[in-house]
C-alpha atoms as a PDB file:
ATOM      1  CA  UNK A   1     -15.473  -4.086 -17.476  1.00  0.00           C
ATOM      2  CA  UNK A   2     -12.773  -5.662 -14.673  1.00  0.00           C
ATOM      3  CA  UNK A   3     -15.975  -8.007 -13.815  1.00  0.00           C
ATOM      4  CA  UNK A   4     -16.478  -8.936 -17.564  1.00  0.00           C
ATOM      5  CA  UNK A   5     -12.848  -9.361 -17.948  1.00  0.00           C
ATOM      6  CA  UNK A   6     -12.662 -12.057 -14.936  1.00  0.00           C
ATOM      7  CA  UNK A   7     -15.757 -13.626 -16.118  1.00  0.00           C
ATOM      8  CA  UNK A   8     -14.490 -14.521 -19.397  1.00  0.00           C
ATOM      9  CA  UNK A   9     -11.075 -15.797 -18.491  1.00  0.00           C
ATOM     10  CA  UNK A  10     -12.481 -17.608 -15.566  1.00  0.00           C
ATOM     11  CA  UNK A  11     -15.151 -19.314 -18.625  1.00  0.00           C
ATOM     12  CA  UNK A  12     -12.170 -19.929 -20.680  1.00  0.00           C
ATOM     13  CA  UNK A  13     -10.122 -21.885 -17.715  1.00  0.00           C
ATOM     14  CA  UNK A  14     -12.963 -23.708 -16.842  1.00  0.00           C
ATOM     15  CA  UNK A  15     -13.883 -24.849 -20.108  1.00  0.00           C
ATOM     16  CA  UNK A  16      -9.808 -25.672 -21.203  1.00  0.00           C
ATOM     17  CA  UNK A  17     -10.263 -27.800 -17.819  1.00  0.00           C
ATOM     18  CA  UNK A  18     -12.975 -29.640 -18.571  1.00  0.00           C
ATOM     19  CA  UNK A  19     -12.748 -29.746 -22.388  1.00  0.00           C
ATOM     20  CA  UNK A  20     -11.338 -33.636 -22.522  1.00  0.00           C
ATOM     21  CA  UNK A  21     -14.663 -34.800 -20.214  1.00  0.00           C
ATOM     22  CA  UNK A  22     -16.866 -32.974 -22.408  1.00  0.00           C
ATOM     23  CA  UNK A  23     -15.651 -34.054 -25.663  1.00  0.00           C
ATOM     24  CA  UNK A  24     -16.270 -37.816 -24.160  1.00  0.00           C
ATOM     25  CA  UNK A  25     -20.107 -37.317 -23.315  1.00  0.00           C
ATOM     26  CA  UNK A  26     -22.661 -37.757 -25.680  1.00  0.00           C
ATOM     27  CA  UNK A  27     -24.395 -34.596 -27.351  1.00  0.00           C
ATOM     28  CA  UNK A  28     -27.565 -35.374 -24.600  1.00  0.00           C
ATOM     29  CA  UNK A  29     -24.852 -36.061 -21.394  1.00  0.00           C
ATOM     30  CA  UNK A  30     -23.258 -32.643 -22.518  1.00  0.00           C
ATOM     31  CA  UNK A  31     -26.623 -30.869 -22.983  1.00  0.00           C
ATOM     32  CA  UNK A  32     -27.864 -32.326 -19.396  1.00  0.00           C
ATOM     33  CA  UNK A  33     -24.295 -30.837 -17.912  1.00  0.00           C
ATOM     34  CA  UNK A  34     -24.256 -27.617 -18.767  1.00  0.00           C
ATOM     35  CA  UNK A  35     -27.869 -27.512 -17.775  1.00  0.00           C
ATOM     36  CA  UNK A  36     -26.715 -28.779 -14.439  1.00  0.00           C
ATOM     37  CA  UNK A  37     -23.904 -26.170 -13.867  1.00  0.00           C
ATOM     38  CA  UNK A  38     -26.173 -23.131 -15.288  1.00  0.00           C
ATOM     39  CA  UNK A  39     -28.904 -24.044 -12.693  1.00  0.00           C
ATOM     40  CA  UNK A  40     -26.327 -24.461  -9.702  1.00  0.00           C
ATOM     41  CA  UNK A  41     -24.646 -21.529 -10.578  1.00  0.00           C
ATOM     42  CA  UNK A  42     -28.168 -19.525 -10.531  1.00  0.00           C
ATOM     43  CA  UNK A  43     -28.951 -20.775  -7.529  1.00  0.00           C
ATOM     44  CA  UNK A  44     -25.454 -20.438  -5.897  1.00  0.00           C
ATOM     45  CA  UNK A  45     -24.174 -17.363  -7.813  1.00  0.00           C
ATOM     46  CA  UNK A  46     -21.906 -16.450  -4.589  1.00  0.00           C
ATOM     47  CA  UNK A  47     -20.148 -19.441  -5.966  1.00  0.00           C
ATOM     48  CA  UNK A  48     -18.967 -17.956  -9.405  1.00  0.00           C
ATOM     49  CA  UNK A  49     -17.827 -14.235  -7.543  1.00  0.00           C
ATOM     50  CA  UNK A  50     -16.073 -16.357  -4.744  1.00  0.00           C
ATOM     51  CA  UNK A  51     -14.041 -17.741  -7.825  1.00  0.00           C
ATOM     52  CA  UNK A  52     -13.899 -14.696  -9.972  1.00  0.00           C
ATOM     53  CA  UNK A  53     -12.347 -13.004  -6.515  1.00  0.00           C
ATOM     54  CA  UNK A  54      -9.650 -15.517  -6.403  1.00  0.00           C
ATOM     55  CA  UNK A  55      -9.096 -15.227 -10.008  1.00  0.00           C
ATOM     56  CA  UNK A  56      -8.653 -11.168 -10.043  1.00  0.00           C
ATOM     57  CA  UNK A  57      -6.487 -12.063  -6.407  1.00  0.00           C
ATOM     58  CA  UNK A  58      -3.982 -14.391  -8.374  1.00  0.00           C
ATOM     59  CA  UNK A  59      -3.984 -11.710 -11.676  1.00  0.00           C
ATOM     60  CA  UNK A  60      -3.039  -8.673  -9.194  1.00  0.00           C
ATOM     61  CA  UNK A  61      -0.292 -11.276  -7.758  1.00  0.00           C
ATOM     62  CA  UNK A  62       1.024 -11.762 -11.060  1.00  0.00           C
ATOM     63  CA  UNK A  63       0.952  -8.316 -11.922  1.00  0.00           C
ATOM     64  CA  UNK A  64       2.860  -7.471  -8.536  1.00  0.00           C
ATOM     65  CA  UNK A  65       5.530  -9.981  -9.229  1.00  0.00           C
ATOM     66  CA  UNK A  66       5.874  -9.207 -12.688  1.00  0.00           C
ATOM     67  CA  UNK A  67       6.773  -5.206 -11.740  1.00  0.00           C
ATOM     68  CA  UNK A  68       9.153  -5.992  -8.855  1.00  0.00           C
ATOM     69  CA  UNK A  69      11.067  -7.819 -11.361  1.00  0.00           C
ATOM     70  CA  UNK A  70      11.170  -5.170 -13.680  1.00  0.00           C
ATOM     71  CA  UNK A  71      12.280  -2.920 -10.707  1.00  0.00           C
ATOM     72  CA  UNK A  72      15.225  -5.347  -9.854  1.00  0.00           C
ATOM     73  CA  UNK A  73      16.466  -5.718 -13.248  1.00  0.00           C
ATOM     74  CA  UNK A  74      16.277  -1.913 -14.040  1.00  0.00           C
ATOM     75  CA  UNK A  75      17.362  -0.744 -10.624  1.00  0.00           C
ATOM     76  CA  UNK A  76      20.651   0.678 -11.603  1.00  0.00           C
ATOM     77  CA  UNK A  77      19.526   2.969 -14.159  1.00  0.00           C
ATOM     78  CA  UNK A  78      16.437   3.701 -12.177  1.00  0.00           C
ATOM     79  CA  UNK A  79      19.198   5.311  -9.311  1.00  0.00           C
ATOM     80  CA  UNK A  80      22.386   6.009 -11.147  1.00  0.00           C
ATOM     81  CA  UNK A  81      21.933   6.766 -14.708  1.00  0.00           C
ATOM     82  CA  UNK A  82      24.163   9.987 -13.928  1.00  0.00           C
ATOM     83  CA  UNK A  83      21.742  12.788 -14.515  1.00  0.00           C
ATOM     84  CA  UNK A  84      18.342  12.459 -13.147  1.00  0.00           C
ATOM     85  CA  UNK A  85      17.670  14.807 -10.343  1.00  0.00           C
ATOM     86  CA  UNK A  86      18.311  13.446  -6.924  1.00  0.00           C
ATOM     87  CA  UNK A  87      16.555  15.084  -3.991  1.00  0.00           C
ATOM     88  CA  UNK A  88      15.727  15.216  -0.506  1.00  0.00           C
ATOM     89  CA  UNK A  89      18.581  13.090   1.538  1.00  0.00           C
ATOM     90  CA  UNK A  90      21.036  11.384  -0.804  1.00  0.00           C
ATOM     91  CA  UNK A  91      21.955   8.938   2.130  1.00  0.00           C
ATOM     92  CA  UNK A  92      18.197   7.869   2.707  1.00  0.00           C
ATOM     93  CA  UNK A  93      17.230   4.114   3.516  1.00  0.00           C
ATOM     94  CA  UNK A  94      14.529   4.103   0.902  1.00  0.00           C
ATOM     95  CA  UNK A  95      14.635   5.506  -2.708  1.00  0.00           C
ATOM     96  CA  UNK A  96      11.292   6.871  -4.406  1.00  0.00           C
ATOM     97  CA  UNK A  97      11.931   7.159  -8.370  1.00  0.00           C
ATOM     98  CA  UNK A  98       8.786   9.307  -9.702  1.00  0.00           C
ATOM     99  CA  UNK A  99       8.481   9.385 -13.621  1.00  0.00           C
ATOM    100  CA  UNK A 100       6.408  12.840 -13.955  1.00  0.00           C
ATOM    101  CA  UNK A 101       4.849  14.319 -17.230  1.00  0.00           C
ATOM    102  CA  UNK A 102       4.074  18.198 -16.093  1.00  0.00           C
ATOM    103  CA  UNK A 103       0.945  18.191 -17.939  1.00  0.00           C
ATOM    104  CA  UNK A 104      -0.267  15.587 -16.146  1.00  0.00           C
ATOM    105  CA  UNK A 105      -3.374  16.494 -13.487  1.00  0.00           C
ATOM    106  CA  UNK A 106      -2.414  13.747 -11.510  1.00  0.00           C
ATOM    107  CA  UNK A 107       1.075  14.457 -10.984  1.00  0.00           C
ATOM    108  CA  UNK A 108       0.455  17.747  -9.957  1.00  0.00           C
ATOM    109  CA  UNK A 109      -2.163  16.530  -7.556  1.00  0.00           C
ATOM    110  CA  UNK A 110       1.005  13.717  -5.406  1.00  0.00           C
ATOM    111  CA  UNK A 111       3.818  16.920  -5.747  1.00  0.00           C
ATOM    112  CA  UNK A 112       2.854  18.741  -3.137  1.00  0.00           C
ATOM    113  CA  UNK A 113       2.116  15.316  -0.986  1.00  0.00           C
ATOM    114  CA  UNK A 114       5.387  13.697  -2.336  1.00  0.00           C
ATOM    115  CA  UNK A 115       6.961  17.476  -1.212  1.00  0.00           C
ATOM    116  CA  UNK A 116       5.723  16.956   2.298  1.00  0.00           C
ATOM    117  CA  UNK A 117       6.530  12.912   2.662  1.00  0.00           C
ATOM    118  CA  UNK A 118      10.131  13.556   1.569  1.00  0.00           C
ATOM    119  CA  UNK A 119      10.254  16.550   4.138  1.00  0.00           C
ATOM    120  CA  UNK A 120       8.820  14.836   7.103  1.00  0.00           C
ATOM    121  CA  UNK A 121      10.532  11.959   6.766  1.00  0.00           C
ATOM    122  CA  UNK A 122      14.043  13.001   6.539  1.00  0.00           C
ATOM    123  CA  UNK A 123      15.330   9.903   5.391  1.00  0.00           C
ATOM    124  CA  UNK A 124      14.200   9.482   1.881  1.00  0.00           C
ATOM    125  CA  UNK A 125      15.701  10.035  -1.550  1.00  0.00           C
ATOM    126  CA  UNK A 126      13.711  11.196  -4.437  1.00  0.00           C
ATOM    127  CA  UNK A 127      14.963  10.768  -7.859  1.00  0.00           C
ATOM    128  CA  UNK A 128      12.909  12.535 -10.803  1.00  0.00           C
ATOM    129  CA  UNK A 129      12.486  11.020 -13.929  1.00  0.00           C
ATOM    130  CA  UNK A 130      11.028  12.950 -16.718  1.00  0.00           C
ATOM    131  CA  UNK A 131       8.777  11.645 -19.191  1.00  0.00           C
ATOM    132  CA  UNK A 132       6.943  13.286 -21.455  1.00  0.00           C
ATOM    133  CA  UNK A 133       3.685  11.720 -22.362  1.00  0.00           C
ATOM    134  CA  UNK A 134       0.972  14.214 -23.247  1.00  0.00           C
ATOM    135  CA  UNK A 135       2.038  16.060 -26.582  1.00  0.00           C
ATOM    136  CA  UNK A 136       4.110  18.635 -27.756  1.00  0.00           C
ATOM    137  CA  UNK A 137       3.780  21.116 -24.562  1.00  0.00           C
ATOM    138  CA  UNK A 138       4.671  18.041 -22.168  1.00  0.00           C
ATOM    139  CA  UNK A 139       8.126  17.672 -24.493  1.00  0.00           C
ATOM    140  CA  UNK A 140       8.505  21.517 -24.399  1.00  0.00           C
ATOM    141  CA  UNK A 141       8.534  21.633 -20.872  1.00  0.00           C
ATOM    142  CA  UNK A 142      10.600  18.384 -20.275  1.00  0.00           C
ATOM    143  CA  UNK A 143      13.117  19.971 -22.801  1.00  0.00           C
ATOM    144  CA  UNK A 144      13.467  23.064 -20.950  1.00  0.00           C
ATOM    145  CA  UNK A 145      14.044  21.347 -17.377  1.00  0.00           C
ATOM    146  CA  UNK A 146      16.682  19.213 -18.891  1.00  0.00           C
ATOM    147  CA  UNK A 147      18.437  21.976 -20.395  1.00  0.00           C
ATOM    148  CA  UNK A 148      18.148  24.231 -17.260  1.00  0.00           C
ATOM    149  CA  UNK A 149      20.070  21.231 -15.715  1.00  0.00           C
ATOM    150  CA  UNK A 150      22.684  21.196 -17.805  1.00  0.00           C
ATOM    151  CA  UNK A 151      22.982  24.992 -17.825  1.00  0.00           C
ATOM    152  CA  UNK A 152      22.438  25.417 -14.468  1.00  0.00           C
ATOM    153  CA  UNK A 153      22.586  23.115 -12.418  1.00  0.00           C
ATOM    154  CA  UNK A 154      20.348  20.907  -9.618  1.00  0.00           C
ATOM    155  CA  UNK A 155      19.252  23.938  -7.588  1.00  0.00           C
ATOM    156  CA  UNK A 156      17.767  25.713 -10.487  1.00  0.00           C
ATOM    157  CA  UNK A 157      16.787  22.390 -11.718  1.00  0.00           C
ATOM    158  CA  UNK A 158      14.768  21.829  -9.149  1.00  0.00           C
ATOM    159  CA  UNK A 159      13.169  25.570  -8.988  1.00  0.00           C
ATOM    160  CA  UNK A 160      12.113  25.529 -12.278  1.00  0.00           C
ATOM    161  CA  UNK A 161      10.440  21.612 -11.974  1.00  0.00           C
ATOM    162  CA  UNK A 162       8.502  23.019  -9.014  1.00  0.00           C
ATOM    163  CA  UNK A 163       7.690  25.807 -11.066  1.00  0.00           C
ATOM    164  CA  UNK A 164       6.975  23.785 -14.186  1.00  0.00           C
ATOM    165  CA  UNK A 165       4.308  20.939 -12.278  1.00  0.00           C
ATOM    166  CA  UNK A 166       2.462  24.732 -10.882  1.00  0.00           C
ATOM    167  CA  UNK A 167       1.988  26.208 -14.188  1.00  0.00           C
ATOM    168  CA  UNK A 168      -1.192  26.572 -15.566  1.00  0.00           C
ATOM    169  CA  UNK A 169      -0.879  28.293 -18.406  1.00  0.00           C
ATOM    170  CA  UNK A 170       0.185  26.811 -21.926  1.00  0.00           C
ATOM    171  CA  UNK A 171       3.989  26.003 -22.150  1.00  0.00           C
ATOM    172  CA  UNK A 172       5.359  28.387 -24.684  1.00  0.00           C
ATOM    173  CA  UNK A 173       8.612  30.047 -24.871  1.00  0.00           C
ATOM    174  CA  UNK A 174       6.949  33.042 -23.688  1.00  0.00           C
ATOM    175  CA  UNK A 175       6.002  31.422 -20.229  1.00  0.00           C
ATOM    176  CA  UNK A 176       9.339  29.469 -20.161  1.00  0.00           C
ATOM    177  CA  UNK A 177      10.928  32.496 -20.434  1.00  0.00           C
ATOM    178  CA  UNK A 178       9.469  34.038 -18.280  1.00  0.00           C
ATOM    179  CA  UNK A 179       9.801  31.313 -15.637  1.00  0.00           C
ATOM    180  CA  UNK A 180      13.724  31.643 -16.479  1.00  0.00           C
ATOM    181  CA  UNK A 181      13.648  35.504 -15.900  1.00  0.00           C
ATOM    182  CA  UNK A 182      11.542  34.890 -12.256  1.00  0.00           C
ATOM    183  CA  UNK A 183      14.714  32.769 -11.279  1.00  0.00           C
ATOM    184  CA  UNK A 184      17.562  34.679 -12.425  1.00  0.00           C
ATOM    185  CA  UNK A 185      18.078  31.769 -15.313  1.00  0.00           C
ATOM    186  CA  UNK A 186      19.815  32.738 -18.946  1.00  0.00           C
ATOM    187  CA  UNK A 187      16.671  32.200 -21.253  1.00  0.00           C
ATOM    188  CA  UNK A 188      18.527  32.225 -24.511  1.00  0.00           C
ATOM    189  CA  UNK A 189      21.043  29.650 -23.247  1.00  0.00           C
ATOM    190  CA  UNK A 190      18.438  27.245 -22.023  1.00  0.00           C
ATOM    191  CA  UNK A 191      16.522  27.498 -25.168  1.00  0.00           C
ATOM    192  CA  UNK A 192      19.820  26.846 -26.893  1.00  0.00           C
ATOM    193  CA  UNK A 193      20.834  23.592 -24.935  1.00  0.00           C
ATOM    194  CA  UNK A 194      17.156  22.215 -25.345  1.00  0.00           C
ATOM    195  CA  UNK A 195      17.988  21.334 -28.928  1.00  0.00           C
ATOM    196  CA  UNK A 196      21.178  19.346 -27.962  1.00  0.00           C
ATOM    197  CA  UNK A 197      21.935  16.057 -28.260  1.00  0.00           C
ATOM    198  CA  UNK A 198      22.590  16.066 -24.478  1.00  0.00           C
ATOM    199  CA  UNK A 199      18.599  16.663 -23.721  1.00  0.00           C
ATOM    200  CA  UNK A 200      17.325  14.333 -26.427  1.00  0.00           C
ATOM    201  CA  UNK A 201      19.644  11.620 -24.912  1.00  0.00           C
ATOM    202  CA  UNK A 202      18.294  12.025 -21.678  1.00  0.00           C
ATOM    203  CA  UNK A 203      14.359  12.019 -22.624  1.00  0.00           C
ATOM    204  CA  UNK A 204      15.261   9.373 -25.605  1.00  0.00           C
ATOM    205  CA  UNK A 205      16.654   6.887 -22.351  1.00  0.00           C
ATOM    206  CA  UNK A 206      14.021   7.589 -19.969  1.00  0.00           C
ATOM    207  CA  UNK A 207      11.553   6.542 -22.976  1.00  0.00           C
ATOM    208  CA  UNK A 208      13.156   3.421 -23.303  1.00  0.00           C
ATOM    209  CA  UNK A 209      13.562   2.700 -19.483  1.00  0.00           C
ATOM    210  CA  UNK A 210      10.165   3.398 -19.119  1.00  0.00           C
ATOM    211  CA  UNK A 211       9.259   0.839 -21.773  1.00  0.00           C
ATOM    212  CA  UNK A 212      11.044  -1.679 -20.531  1.00  0.00           C
ATOM    213  CA  UNK A 213       8.979  -1.383 -17.446  1.00  0.00           C
ATOM    214  CA  UNK A 214       5.366  -0.755 -19.295  1.00  0.00           C
ATOM    215  CA  UNK A 215       5.058   2.681 -18.051  1.00  0.00           C
ATOM    216  CA  UNK A 216       1.960   3.628 -19.761  1.00  0.00           C
ATOM    217  CA  UNK A 217       1.226   6.649 -17.496  1.00  0.00           C
ATOM    218  CA  UNK A 218       2.112   9.375 -15.062  1.00  0.00           C
ATOM    219  CA  UNK A 219       2.230   9.356 -12.343  1.00  0.00           C
ATOM    220  CA  UNK A 220       4.290   6.002 -11.813  1.00  0.00           C
ATOM    221  CA  UNK A 221       6.312   5.651  -8.445  1.00  0.00           C
ATOM    222  CA  UNK A 222       9.016   2.863  -7.537  1.00  0.00           C
ATOM    223  CA  UNK A 223       9.416   2.795  -4.111  1.00  0.00           C
ATOM    224  CA  UNK A 224      12.737   0.405  -3.918  1.00  0.00           C
ATOM    225  CA  UNK A 225      11.027  -2.840  -5.483  1.00  0.00           C
ATOM    226  CA  UNK A 226       7.439  -1.556  -5.574  1.00  0.00           C
ATOM    227  CA  UNK A 227       5.920   0.055  -8.675  1.00  0.00           C
ATOM    228  CA  UNK A 228       2.709   1.898  -8.040  1.00  0.00           C
ATOM    229  CA  UNK A 229       0.942   3.024 -11.004  1.00  0.00           C
ATOM    230  CA  UNK A 230      -0.948   6.275 -10.645  1.00  0.00           C
ATOM    231  CA  UNK A 231      -1.663   8.387  -7.583  1.00  0.00           C
ATOM    232  CA  UNK A 232      -1.516   7.675  -4.345  1.00  0.00           C
ATOM    233  CA  UNK A 233      -1.838   9.958  -1.487  1.00  0.00           C
ATOM    234  CA  UNK A 234       0.310  10.983   1.205  1.00  0.00           C
ATOM    235  CA  UNK A 235      -0.876   8.581   4.042  1.00  0.00           C
ATOM    236  CA  UNK A 236      -0.582   5.509   1.521  1.00  0.00           C
ATOM    237  CA  UNK A 237       3.087   6.892   0.322  1.00  0.00           C
ATOM    238  CA  UNK A 238       3.857   6.753   4.162  1.00  0.00           C
ATOM    239  CA  UNK A 239       2.741   2.825   4.680  1.00  0.00           C
ATOM    240  CA  UNK A 240       4.792   1.955   1.693  1.00  0.00           C
ATOM    241  CA  UNK A 241       8.208   3.587   3.130  1.00  0.00           C
ATOM    242  CA  UNK A 242       7.297   1.590   6.124  1.00  0.00           C
ATOM    243  CA  UNK A 243       6.694  -1.336   3.963  1.00  0.00           C
ATOM    244  CA  UNK A 244      10.059  -0.830   2.384  1.00  0.00           C
ATOM    245  CA  UNK A 245      11.782  -0.266   5.593  1.00  0.00           C
ATOM    246  CA  UNK A 246      10.803  -3.498   7.338  1.00  0.00           C
END
């Protein structure tokens, strides 16, 4: 599909560039020209592939620049919204922001690798943004996590967040109550807080921020001013951290 899109874009670009010359030609000249171009491309298909490669590289470069600009413009809200959980080294020289959904398989896959990165590096600050986009159970899980932070603080939030990302059963009042009991938390107080304006405001602010940054999937990471959309493995995360430091 990406190849087809690139070919279509390349065709439109070439047609636009040649429009004036083609209009100036007679019908027979246009037919001859098109026949010659077609014959050349059939004889030298590597030319088309080279042009597509250049076009795709430019598109990637433009997308990267756009993401960097969005990260820079929104950096204060990404790192200093007054609520989001901050772990790792609060004075770390690299900050990673992760938008997560507890029902997201790739978030679950990335979770232990992010934890290992932060633990083994020792100089990374990690900020978690609740971003439930996969349905009612995702929303319920994030409401519970945010309410836990409001009721019981950061340490309890971290415990519950880690437990929710590992949860394989459905997210329900029963499963959430069991999690609260397992960590010695007041489930009734958390459930009551889940419907509060404070919880709604946190999730609404995260959603608005994500929409401004055109985040449509999880996990999405921001390393400094680099946005990484989707899962990346531990080795690649370490490379990105070193890129930020250098």
